[in-house]
Structure formats: structure tokens, C-alpha cells
Amino acid sequence: MSGRCEWCWKHEVEHASRWAALSSISAKIGCTPETLRLWVKRVERGGGAGSAATLDPQGEMAQRMKTLERENRELRQANEILRKASAYFAQAELDRRFRP
């Protein structure tokens, strides 16, 4: 079983053929059987540069989450700066109006 995609192998024994297993799994994960077949083939070949990233949606999700958290932090800082600047200029405008 070395070099085989283990989860695919487990499902393959439950179905009449490898294609039937791929069709069943692909319907559950929302891709075409051909796409899944290519992913499995890439894993069985040992993959290539970046193949682990394409097969690791959790890793992609973690990276995306980290990026979004950083953007969120930057936007919060920008909003705080704008809020303080707005208060400063509003106060300056009030002070200017009431001076004789």
C-alpha cells in the first residue's frame, strides 16, 4: 500500500471499482471525479512542488485566516486613527467658532 492514497484505498474496497469510489467521494467533497482522480494520481506519484498545499484545504484555510486577521487588525488601527483625527478636527472647529 506504499505510495497509495490511503483514504482512497479504504473507499475503493467498498466499491466495485476505483472510479466508483472516486465518483462517490467527489460527490461528497464537491468536485468532479476526474479532478479527484488527478489529485490522487499526484499523491501516489509523490506529488510535486506545491502538491501538498493543493491537497491540504486546512492549511490553505489557516493561511487565509491569518491573512484576514492581519487585514482586520490593520483596518481596526486605521479606523482608530481616523476616529481620533475626526474628534481632533471637530474639537478644533468648535474652538474656532466660539473665539471672538
PDB file of N, CA and C in Angstrom:
ATOM      1  N   MET A   1       0.821  -1.186   0.000  1.00  0.00           N
ATOM      2  CA  MET A   1       0.000   0.000   0.000  1.00  0.00           C
ATOM      3  C   MET A   1       0.867   1.252   0.000  1.00  0.00           C
ATOM      4  N   SER A   2       2.151   1.104   0.015  1.00  0.00           N
ATOM      5  CA  SER A   2       3.059   2.236  -0.002  1.00  0.00           C
ATOM      6  C   SER A   2       2.858   3.052  -1.269  1.00  0.00           C
ATOM      7  N   GLY A   3       2.826   4.385  -1.112  1.00  0.00           N
ATOM      8  CA  GLY A   3       2.642   5.249  -2.270  1.00  0.00           C
ATOM      9  C   GLY A   3       1.189   5.410  -2.681  1.00  0.00           C
ATOM     10  N   ARG A   4       0.285   4.711  -2.018  1.00  0.00           N
ATOM     11  CA  ARG A   4      -1.132   4.821  -2.361  1.00  0.00           C
ATOM     12  C   ARG A   4      -1.794   5.859  -1.485  1.00  0.00           C
ATOM     13  N   CYS A   5      -2.809   6.446  -2.010  1.00  0.00           N
ATOM     14  CA  CYS A   5      -3.608   7.384  -1.238  1.00  0.00           C
ATOM     15  C   CYS A   5      -4.486   6.549  -0.306  1.00  0.00           C
ATOM     16  N   GLU A   6      -4.163   6.559   0.985  1.00  0.00           N
ATOM     17  CA  GLU A   6      -4.774   5.626   1.920  1.00  0.00           C
ATOM     18  C   GLU A   6      -6.288   5.764   2.029  1.00  0.00           C
ATOM     19  N   TRP A   7      -6.782   6.999   2.120  1.00  0.00           N
ATOM     20  CA  TRP A   7      -8.240   7.157   2.256  1.00  0.00           C
ATOM     21  C   TRP A   7      -8.960   6.702   1.001  1.00  0.00           C
ATOM     22  N   CYS A   8      -8.332   6.877  -0.152  1.00  0.00           N
ATOM     23  CA  CYS A   8      -8.943   6.409  -1.397  1.00  0.00           C
ATOM     24  C   CYS A   8      -8.960   4.884  -1.421  1.00  0.00           C
ATOM     25  N   TRP A   9      -7.877   4.284  -0.963  1.00  0.00           N
ATOM     26  CA  TRP A   9      -7.798   2.823  -0.928  1.00  0.00           C
ATOM     27  C   TRP A   9      -8.883   2.249  -0.022  1.00  0.00           C
ATOM     28  N   LYS A  10      -9.105   2.886   1.130  1.00  0.00           N
ATOM     29  CA  LYS A  10     -10.135   2.411   2.065  1.00  0.00           C
ATOM     30  C   LYS A  10     -11.511   2.422   1.404  1.00  0.00           C
ATOM     31  N   HIS A  11     -11.794   3.470   0.645  1.00  0.00           N
ATOM     32  CA  HIS A  11     -13.100   3.563  -0.011  1.00  0.00           C
ATOM     33  C   HIS A  11     -13.168   2.687  -1.260  1.00  0.00           C
ATOM     34  N   GLU A  12     -12.031   2.458  -1.872  1.00  0.00           N
ATOM     35  CA  GLU A  12     -12.001   1.656  -3.088  1.00  0.00           C
ATOM     36  C   GLU A  12     -12.476   0.233  -2.817  1.00  0.00           C
ATOM     37  N   VAL A  13     -12.141  -0.313  -1.649  1.00  0.00           N
ATOM     38  CA  VAL A  13     -12.555  -1.685  -1.337  1.00  0.00           C
ATOM     39  C   VAL A  13     -14.056  -1.768  -1.055  1.00  0.00           C
ATOM     40  N   GLU A  14     -14.682  -0.627  -0.767  1.00  0.00           N
ATOM     41  CA  GLU A  14     -16.124  -0.605  -0.509  1.00  0.00           C
ATOM     42  C   GLU A  14     -16.947  -0.502  -1.794  1.00  0.00           C
ATOM     43  N   HIS A  15     -16.288  -0.220  -2.910  1.00  0.00           N
ATOM     44  CA  HIS A  15     -16.985  -0.020  -4.183  1.00  0.00           C
ATOM     45  C   HIS A  15     -16.510  -1.038  -5.211  1.00  0.00           C
ATOM     46  N   ALA A  16     -17.265  -1.139  -6.293  1.00  0.00           N
ATOM     47  CA  ALA A  16     -16.965  -2.127  -7.336  1.00  0.00           C
ATOM     48  C   ALA A  16     -15.679  -1.793  -8.093  1.00  0.00           C
ATOM     49  N   SER A  17     -15.349  -0.513  -8.202  1.00  0.00           N
ATOM     50  CA  SER A  17     -14.147  -0.116  -8.938  1.00  0.00           C
ATOM     51  C   SER A  17     -13.580   1.156  -8.330  1.00  0.00           C
ATOM     52  N   ARG A  18     -12.383   1.480  -8.756  1.00  0.00           N
ATOM     53  CA  ARG A  18     -11.757   2.704  -8.287  1.00  0.00           C
ATOM     54  C   ARG A  18     -12.551   3.924  -8.742  1.00  0.00           C
ATOM     55  N   TRP A  19     -13.024   3.891  -9.973  1.00  0.00           N
ATOM     56  CA  TRP A  19     -13.816   5.003 -10.492  1.00  0.00           C
ATOM     57  C   TRP A  19     -15.095   5.196  -9.682  1.00  0.00           C
ATOM     58  N   ALA A  20     -15.728   4.110  -9.278  1.00  0.00           N
ATOM     59  CA  ALA A  20     -16.940   4.208  -8.453  1.00  0.00           C
ATOM     60  C   ALA A  20     -16.611   4.859  -7.110  1.00  0.00           C
ATOM     61  N   ALA A  21     -15.464   4.493  -6.541  1.00  0.00           N
ATOM     62  CA  ALA A  21     -15.046   5.104  -5.279  1.00  0.00           C
ATOM     63  C   ALA A  21     -14.772   6.591  -5.461  1.00  0.00           C
ATOM     64  N   LEU A  22     -14.064   6.932  -6.532  1.00  0.00           N
ATOM     65  CA  LEU A  22     -13.767   8.339  -6.801  1.00  0.00           C
ATOM     66  C   LEU A  22     -15.041   9.139  -7.041  1.00  0.00           C
ATOM     67  N   SER A  23     -15.982   8.553  -7.755  1.00  0.00           N
ATOM     68  CA  SER A  23     -17.258   9.234  -8.011  1.00  0.00           C
ATOM     69  C   SER A  23     -18.011   9.492  -6.718  1.00  0.00           C
ATOM     70  N   SER A  24     -18.018   8.497  -5.852  1.00  0.00           N
ATOM     71  CA  SER A  24     -18.710   8.629  -4.573  1.00  0.00           C
ATOM     72  C   SER A  24     -18.065   9.712  -3.704  1.00  0.00           C
ATOM     73  N   ILE A  25     -16.751   9.671  -3.610  1.00  0.00           N
ATOM     74  CA  ILE A  25     -16.035  10.635  -2.772  1.00  0.00           C
ATOM     75  C   ILE A  25     -16.160  12.040  -3.356  1.00  0.00           C
ATOM     76  N   SER A  26     -16.015  12.172  -4.669  1.00  0.00           N
ATOM     77  CA  SER A  26     -16.059  13.505  -5.286  1.00  0.00           C
ATOM     78  C   SER A  26     -17.415  14.168  -5.091  1.00  0.00           C
ATOM     79  N   ALA A  27     -18.479  13.391  -5.122  1.00  0.00           N
ATOM     80  CA  ALA A  27     -19.807  13.953  -4.893  1.00  0.00           C
ATOM     81  C   ALA A  27     -19.915  14.513  -3.471  1.00  0.00           C
ATOM     82  N   LYS A  28     -19.241  13.860  -2.531  1.00  0.00           N
ATOM     83  CA  LYS A  28     -19.304  14.311  -1.133  1.00  0.00           C
ATOM     84  C   LYS A  28     -18.469  15.559  -0.887  1.00  0.00           C
ATOM     85  N   ILE A  29     -17.363  15.711  -1.607  1.00  0.00           N
ATOM     86  CA  ILE A  29     -16.492  16.863  -1.353  1.00  0.00           C
ATOM     87  C   ILE A  29     -16.701  17.993  -2.348  1.00  0.00           C
ATOM     88  N   GLY A  30     -17.561  17.781  -3.335  1.00  0.00           N
ATOM     89  CA  GLY A  30     -17.928  18.859  -4.244  1.00  0.00           C
ATOM     90  C   GLY A  30     -16.959  19.128  -5.377  1.00  0.00           C
ATOM     91  N   CYS A  31     -16.425  18.088  -5.959  1.00  0.00           N
ATOM     92  CA  CYS A  31     -15.579  18.261  -7.145  1.00  0.00           C
ATOM     93  C   CYS A  31     -15.934  17.167  -8.142  1.00  0.00           C
ATOM     94  N   THR A  32     -15.322  17.205  -9.305  1.00  0.00           N
ATOM     95  CA  THR A  32     -15.605  16.167 -10.292  1.00  0.00           C
ATOM     96  C   THR A  32     -14.742  14.940 -10.016  1.00  0.00           C
ATOM     97  N   PRO A  33     -15.199  13.774 -10.428  1.00  0.00           N
ATOM     98  CA  PRO A  33     -14.391  12.564 -10.240  1.00  0.00           C
ATOM     99  C   PRO A  33     -13.028  12.669 -10.932  1.00  0.00           C
ATOM    100  N   GLU A  34     -12.989  13.329 -12.077  1.00  0.00           N
ATOM    101  CA  GLU A  34     -11.719  13.465 -12.799  1.00  0.00           C
ATOM    102  C   GLU A  34     -10.727  14.316 -12.017  1.00  0.00           C
ATOM    103  N   THR A  35     -11.209  15.395 -11.416  1.00  0.00           N
ATOM    104  CA  THR A  35     -10.338  16.234 -10.598  1.00  0.00           C
ATOM    105  C   THR A  35      -9.774  15.440  -9.437  1.00  0.00           C
ATOM    106  N   LEU A  36     -10.642  14.695  -8.767  1.00  0.00           N
ATOM    107  CA  LEU A  36     -10.195  13.872  -7.644  1.00  0.00           C
ATOM    108  C   LEU A  36      -9.201  12.814  -8.111  1.00  0.00           C
ATOM    109  N   ARG A  37      -9.450  12.226  -9.275  1.00  0.00           N
ATOM    110  CA  ARG A  37      -8.535  11.205  -9.807  1.00  0.00           C
ATOM    111  C   ARG A  37      -7.147  11.799 -10.034  1.00  0.00           C
ATOM    112  N   LEU A  38      -7.103  13.019 -10.547  1.00  0.00           N
ATOM    113  CA  LEU A  38      -5.814  13.679 -10.777  1.00  0.00           C
ATOM    114  C   LEU A  38      -5.105  13.993  -9.463  1.00  0.00           C
ATOM    115  N   TRP A  39      -5.856  14.410  -8.454  1.00  0.00           N
ATOM    116  CA  TRP A  39      -5.257  14.670  -7.144  1.00  0.00           C
ATOM    117  C   TRP A  39      -4.656  13.391  -6.561  1.00  0.00           C
ATOM    118  N   VAL A  40      -5.434  12.310  -6.638  1.00  0.00           N
ATOM    119  CA  VAL A  40      -4.968  11.029  -6.107  1.00  0.00           C
ATOM    120  C   VAL A  40      -3.730  10.569  -6.873  1.00  0.00           C
ATOM    121  N   LYS A  41      -3.757  10.728  -8.179  1.00  0.00           N
ATOM    122  CA  LYS A  41      -2.614  10.340  -9.008  1.00  0.00           C
ATOM    123  C   LYS A  41      -1.369  11.124  -8.598  1.00  0.00           C
ATOM    124  N   ARG A  42      -1.536  12.418  -8.353  1.00  0.00           N
ATOM    125  CA  ARG A  42      -0.415  13.265  -7.943  1.00  0.00           C
ATOM    126  C   ARG A  42       0.155  12.805  -6.603  1.00  0.00           C
ATOM    127  N   VAL A  43      -0.734  12.453  -5.665  1.00  0.00           N
ATOM    128  CA  VAL A  43      -0.284  11.982  -4.358  1.00  0.00           C
ATOM    129  C   VAL A  43       0.452  10.651  -4.501  1.00  0.00           C
ATOM    130  N   GLU A  44      -0.084   9.761  -5.309  1.00  0.00           N
ATOM    131  CA  GLU A  44       0.533   8.449  -5.488  1.00  0.00           C
ATOM    132  C   GLU A  44       1.896   8.549  -6.175  1.00  0.00           C
ATOM    133  N   ARG A  45       2.065   9.511  -7.036  1.00  0.00           N
ATOM    134  CA  ARG A  45       3.347   9.718  -7.710  1.00  0.00           C
ATOM    135  C   ARG A  45       4.369  10.346  -6.781  1.00  0.00           C
ATOM    136  N   GLY A  46       3.924  10.831  -5.663  1.00  0.00           N
ATOM    137  CA  GLY A  46       4.836  11.518  -4.768  1.00  0.00           C
ATOM    138  C   GLY A  46       4.691  13.018  -4.863  1.00  0.00           C
ATOM    139  N   GLY A  47       3.757  13.441  -5.664  1.00  0.00           N
ATOM    140  CA  GLY A  47       3.465  14.857  -5.787  1.00  0.00           C
ATOM    141  C   GLY A  47       4.577  15.621  -6.450  1.00  0.00           C
ATOM    142  N   GLY A  48       4.501  16.870  -6.331  1.00  0.00           N
ATOM    143  CA  GLY A  48       5.497  17.769  -6.875  1.00  0.00           C
ATOM    144  C   GLY A  48       5.520  18.999  -6.008  1.00  0.00           C
ATOM    145  N   ALA A  49       6.200  20.016  -6.453  1.00  0.00           N
ATOM    146  CA  ALA A  49       6.251  21.247  -5.684  1.00  0.00           C
ATOM    147  C   ALA A  49       4.844  21.804  -5.527  1.00  0.00           C
ATOM    148  N   GLY A  50       4.446  22.013  -4.288  1.00  0.00           N
ATOM    149  CA  GLY A  50       3.147  22.610  -4.031  1.00  0.00           C
ATOM    150  C   GLY A  50       1.982  21.640  -4.024  1.00  0.00           C
ATOM    151  N   SER A  51       2.210  20.365  -4.275  1.00  0.00           N
ATOM    152  CA  SER A  51       1.074  19.453  -4.328  1.00  0.00           C
ATOM    153  C   SER A  51       0.446  19.271  -2.958  1.00  0.00           C
ATOM    154  N   ALA A  52       1.248  19.333  -1.904  1.00  0.00           N
ATOM    155  CA  ALA A  52       0.688  19.197  -0.561  1.00  0.00           C
ATOM    156  C   ALA A  52      -0.248  20.353  -0.256  1.00  0.00           C
ATOM    157  N   ALA A  53       0.078  21.535  -0.719  1.00  0.00           N
ATOM    158  CA  ALA A  53      -0.775  22.698  -0.463  1.00  0.00           C
ATOM    159  C   ALA A  53      -2.115  22.563  -1.159  1.00  0.00           C
ATOM    160  N   THR A  54      -2.125  22.001  -2.367  1.00  0.00           N
ATOM    161  CA  THR A  54      -3.391  21.882  -3.080  1.00  0.00           C
ATOM    162  C   THR A  54      -4.260  20.794  -2.480  1.00  0.00           C
ATOM    163  N   LEU A  55      -3.658  19.860  -1.763  1.00  0.00           N
ATOM    164  CA  LEU A  55      -4.428  18.783  -1.159  1.00  0.00           C
ATOM    165  C   LEU A  55      -4.696  19.029   0.316  1.00  0.00           C
ATOM    166  N   ASP A  56      -4.278  20.175   0.831  1.00  0.00           N
ATOM    167  CA  ASP A  56      -4.438  20.483   2.240  1.00  0.00           C
ATOM    168  C   ASP A  56      -5.325  21.703   2.411  1.00  0.00           C
ATOM    169  N   PRO A  57      -6.633  21.515   2.326  1.00  0.00           N
ATOM    170  CA  PRO A  57      -7.515  22.677   2.457  1.00  0.00           C
ATOM    171  C   PRO A  57      -7.427  23.327   3.834  1.00  0.00           C
ATOM    172  N   GLN A  58      -7.084  22.539   4.874  1.00  0.00           N
ATOM    173  CA  GLN A  58      -6.952  23.128   6.203  1.00  0.00           C
ATOM    174  C   GLN A  58      -5.771  24.094   6.250  1.00  0.00           C
ATOM    175  N   GLY A  59      -4.676  23.726   5.588  1.00  0.00           N
ATOM    176  CA  GLY A  59      -3.519  24.609   5.527  1.00  0.00           C
ATOM    177  C   GLY A  59      -3.829  25.886   4.777  1.00  0.00           C
ATOM    178  N   GLU A  60      -4.566  25.745   3.675  1.00  0.00           N
ATOM    179  CA  GLU A  60      -4.979  26.921   2.916  1.00  0.00           C
ATOM    180  C   GLU A  60      -5.908  27.791   3.744  1.00  0.00           C
ATOM    181  N   MET A  61      -6.817  27.147   4.455  1.00  0.00           N
ATOM    182  CA  MET A  61      -7.758  27.898   5.287  1.00  0.00           C
ATOM    183  C   MET A  61      -7.026  28.623   6.420  1.00  0.00           C
ATOM    184  N   ALA A  62      -6.042  27.967   7.023  1.00  0.00           N
ATOM    185  CA  ALA A  62      -5.286  28.597   8.102  1.00  0.00           C
ATOM    186  C   ALA A  62      -4.521  29.804   7.580  1.00  0.00           C
ATOM    187  N   GLN A  63      -3.917  29.662   6.408  1.00  0.00           N
ATOM    188  CA  GLN A  63      -3.184  30.777   5.813  1.00  0.00           C
ATOM    189  C   GLN A  63      -4.130  31.927   5.476  1.00  0.00           C
ATOM    190  N   ARG A  64      -5.286  31.606   4.915  1.00  0.00           N
ATOM    191  CA  ARG A  64      -6.280  32.629   4.572  1.00  0.00           C
ATOM    192  C   ARG A  64      -6.779  33.325   5.835  1.00  0.00           C
ATOM    193  N   MET A  65      -6.994  32.543   6.898  1.00  0.00           N
ATOM    194  CA  MET A  65      -7.468  33.104   8.161  1.00  0.00           C
ATOM    195  C   MET A  65      -6.424  34.060   8.744  1.00  0.00           C
ATOM    196  N   LYS A  66      -5.162  33.663   8.665  1.00  0.00           N
ATOM    197  CA  LYS A  66      -4.090  34.512   9.173  1.00  0.00           C
ATOM    198  C   LYS A  66      -4.041  35.836   8.395  1.00  0.00           C
ATOM    199  N   THR A  67      -4.184  35.749   7.078  1.00  0.00           N
ATOM    200  CA  THR A  67      -4.178  36.949   6.240  1.00  0.00           C
ATOM    201  C   THR A  67      -5.353  37.856   6.578  1.00  0.00           C
ATOM    202  N   LEU A  68      -6.529  37.272   6.741  1.00  0.00           N
ATOM    203  CA  LEU A  68      -7.715  38.065   7.060  1.00  0.00           C
ATOM    204  C   LEU A  68      -7.614  38.696   8.448  1.00  0.00           C
ATOM    205  N   GLU A  69      -7.043  37.979   9.397  1.00  0.00           N
ATOM    206  CA  GLU A  69      -6.869  38.540  10.737  1.00  0.00           C
ATOM    207  C   GLU A  69      -5.909  39.725  10.707  1.00  0.00           C
ATOM    208  N   ARG A  70      -4.839  39.613   9.919  1.00  0.00           N
ATOM    209  CA  ARG A  70      -3.878  40.716   9.794  1.00  0.00           C
ATOM    210  C   ARG A  70      -4.559  41.931   9.153  1.00  0.00           C
ATOM    211  N   GLU A  71      -5.327  41.702   8.080  1.00  0.00           N
ATOM    212  CA  GLU A  71      -6.042  42.798   7.433  1.00  0.00           C
ATOM    213  C   GLU A  71      -7.040  43.439   8.385  1.00  0.00           C
ATOM    214  N   ASN A  72      -7.727  42.617   9.157  1.00  0.00           N
ATOM    215  CA  ASN A  72      -8.703  43.114  10.118  1.00  0.00           C
ATOM    216  C   ASN A  72      -8.022  43.997  11.164  1.00  0.00           C
ATOM    217  N   ARG A  73      -6.864  43.553  11.659  1.00  0.00           N
ATOM    218  CA  ARG A  73      -6.113  44.325  12.645  1.00  0.00           C
ATOM    219  C   ARG A  73      -5.687  45.678  12.051  1.00  0.00           C
ATOM    220  N   GLU A  74      -5.188  45.659  10.814  1.00  0.00           N
ATOM    221  CA  GLU A  74      -4.765  46.903  10.162  1.00  0.00           C
ATOM    222  C   GLU A  74      -5.944  47.852   9.959  1.00  0.00           C
ATOM    223  N   LEU A  75      -7.096  47.306   9.578  1.00  0.00           N
ATOM    224  CA  LEU A  75      -8.277  48.151   9.382  1.00  0.00           C
ATOM    225  C   LEU A  75      -8.772  48.742  10.699  1.00  0.00           C
ATOM    226  N   ARG A  76      -8.707  47.967  11.764  1.00  0.00           N
ATOM    227  CA  ARG A  76      -9.101  48.495  13.076  1.00  0.00           C
ATOM    228  C   ARG A  76      -8.176  49.641  13.497  1.00  0.00           C
ATOM    229  N   GLN A  77      -6.876  49.474  13.243  1.00  0.00           N
ATOM    230  CA  GLN A  77      -5.930  50.547  13.579  1.00  0.00           C
ATOM    231  C   GLN A  77      -6.217  51.795  12.753  1.00  0.00           C
ATOM    232  N   ALA A  78      -6.478  51.616  11.461  1.00  0.00           N
ATOM    233  CA  ALA A  78      -6.792  52.748  10.598  1.00  0.00           C
ATOM    234  C   ALA A  78      -8.073  53.442  11.060  1.00  0.00           C
ATOM    235  N   ASN A  79      -9.075  52.671  11.436  1.00  0.00           N
ATOM    236  CA  ASN A  79     -10.329  53.255  11.927  1.00  0.00           C
ATOM    237  C   ASN A  79     -10.101  54.041  13.210  1.00  0.00           C
ATOM    238  N   GLU A  80      -9.269  53.528  14.087  1.00  0.00           N
ATOM    239  CA  GLU A  80      -8.974  54.232  15.339  1.00  0.00           C
ATOM    240  C   GLU A  80      -8.266  55.555  15.061  1.00  0.00           C
ATOM    241  N   ILE A  81      -7.313  55.538  14.143  1.00  0.00           N
ATOM    242  CA  ILE A  81      -6.613  56.775  13.769  1.00  0.00           C
ATOM    243  C   ILE A  81      -7.603  57.780  13.185  1.00  0.00           C
ATOM    244  N   LEU A  82      -8.477  57.333  12.289  1.00  0.00           N
ATOM    245  CA  LEU A  82      -9.472  58.227  11.689  1.00  0.00           C
ATOM    246  C   LEU A  82     -10.452  58.760  12.729  1.00  0.00           C
ATOM    247  N   ARG A  83     -10.835  57.932  13.669  1.00  0.00           N
ATOM    248  CA  ARG A  83     -11.760  58.364  14.724  1.00  0.00           C
ATOM    249  C   ARG A  83     -11.112  59.464  15.563  1.00  0.00           C
ATOM    250  N   LYS A  84      -9.847  59.266  15.943  1.00  0.00           N
ATOM    251  CA  LYS A  84      -9.140  60.272  16.745  1.00  0.00           C
ATOM    252  C   LYS A  84      -8.931  61.561  15.958  1.00  0.00           C
ATOM    253  N   ALA A  85      -8.579  61.436  14.670  1.00  0.00           N
ATOM    254  CA  ALA A  85      -8.384  62.621  13.841  1.00  0.00           C
ATOM    255  C   ALA A  85      -9.693  63.383  13.684  1.00  0.00           C
ATOM    256  N   SER A  86     -10.777  62.670  13.504  1.00  0.00           N
ATOM    257  CA  SER A  86     -12.084  63.304  13.367  1.00  0.00           C
ATOM    258  C   SER A  86     -12.448  64.057  14.642  1.00  0.00           C
ATOM    259  N   ALA A  87     -12.225  63.449  15.790  1.00  0.00           N
ATOM    260  CA  ALA A  87     -12.526  64.108  17.061  1.00  0.00           C
ATOM    261  C   ALA A  87     -11.647  65.344  17.241  1.00  0.00           C
ATOM    262  N   TYR A  88     -10.384  65.246  16.871  1.00  0.00           N
ATOM    263  CA  TYR A  88      -9.464  66.377  16.998  1.00  0.00           C
ATOM    264  C   TYR A  88      -9.924  67.559  16.137  1.00  0.00           C
ATOM    265  N   PHE A  89     -10.234  67.276  14.870  1.00  0.00           N
ATOM    266  CA  PHE A  89     -10.643  68.363  13.977  1.00  0.00           C
ATOM    267  C   PHE A  89     -12.022  68.906  14.331  1.00  0.00           C
ATOM    268  N   ALA A  90     -12.899  68.070  14.833  1.00  0.00           N
ATOM    269  CA  ALA A  90     -14.210  68.555  15.266  1.00  0.00           C
ATOM    270  C   ALA A  90     -14.053  69.493  16.456  1.00  0.00           C
ATOM    271  N   GLN A  91     -13.176  69.124  17.385  1.00  0.00           N
ATOM    272  CA  GLN A  91     -12.930  69.979  18.544  1.00  0.00           C
ATOM    273  C   GLN A  91     -12.290  71.299  18.112  1.00  0.00           C
ATOM    274  N   ALA A  92     -11.357  71.231  17.165  1.00  0.00           N
ATOM    275  CA  ALA A  92     -10.711  72.449  16.671  1.00  0.00           C
ATOM    276  C   ALA A  92     -11.734  73.369  16.009  1.00  0.00           C
ATOM    277  N   GLU A  93     -12.672  72.801  15.287  1.00  0.00           N
ATOM    278  CA  GLU A  93     -13.722  73.594  14.632  1.00  0.00           C
ATOM    279  C   GLU A  93     -14.618  74.259  15.669  1.00  0.00           C
ATOM    280  N   LEU A  94     -14.958  73.519  16.736  1.00  0.00           N
ATOM    281  CA  LEU A  94     -15.778  74.119  17.797  1.00  0.00           C
ATOM    282  C   LEU A  94     -15.037  75.249  18.495  1.00  0.00           C
ATOM    283  N   ASP A  95     -13.736  75.044  18.766  1.00  0.00           N
ATOM    284  CA  ASP A  95     -12.947  76.075  19.424  1.00  0.00           C
ATOM    285  C   ASP A  95     -12.849  77.322  18.550  1.00  0.00           C
ATOM    286  N   ARG A  96     -12.734  77.165  17.254  1.00  0.00           N
ATOM    287  CA  ARG A  96     -12.594  78.274  16.330  1.00  0.00           C
ATOM    288  C   ARG A  96     -13.884  79.096  16.257  1.00  0.00           C
ATOM    289  N   ARG A  97     -15.025  78.437  16.317  1.00  0.00           N
ATOM    290  CA  ARG A  97     -16.315  79.128  16.204  1.00  0.00           C
ATOM    291  C   ARG A  97     -16.610  80.016  17.399  1.00  0.00           C
ATOM    292  N   PHE A  98     -16.169  79.622  18.595  1.00  0.00           N
ATOM    293  CA  PHE A  98     -16.530  80.365  19.788  1.00  0.00           C
ATOM    294  C   PHE A  98     -15.481  81.391  20.207  1.00  0.00           C
ATOM    295  N   ARG A  99     -14.425  81.532  19.464  1.00  0.00           N
ATOM    296  CA  ARG A  99     -13.432  82.557  19.796  1.00  0.00           C
ATOM    297  C   ARG A  99     -13.872  83.891  19.164  1.00  0.00           C
ATOM    298  N   PRO A 100     -13.774  84.979  19.943  1.00  0.00           N
ATOM    299  CA  PRO A 100     -14.188  86.301  19.419  1.00  0.00           C
ATOM    300  C   PRO A 100     -13.241  86.883  18.402  1.00  0.00           C
TER     301      PRO A 100
END
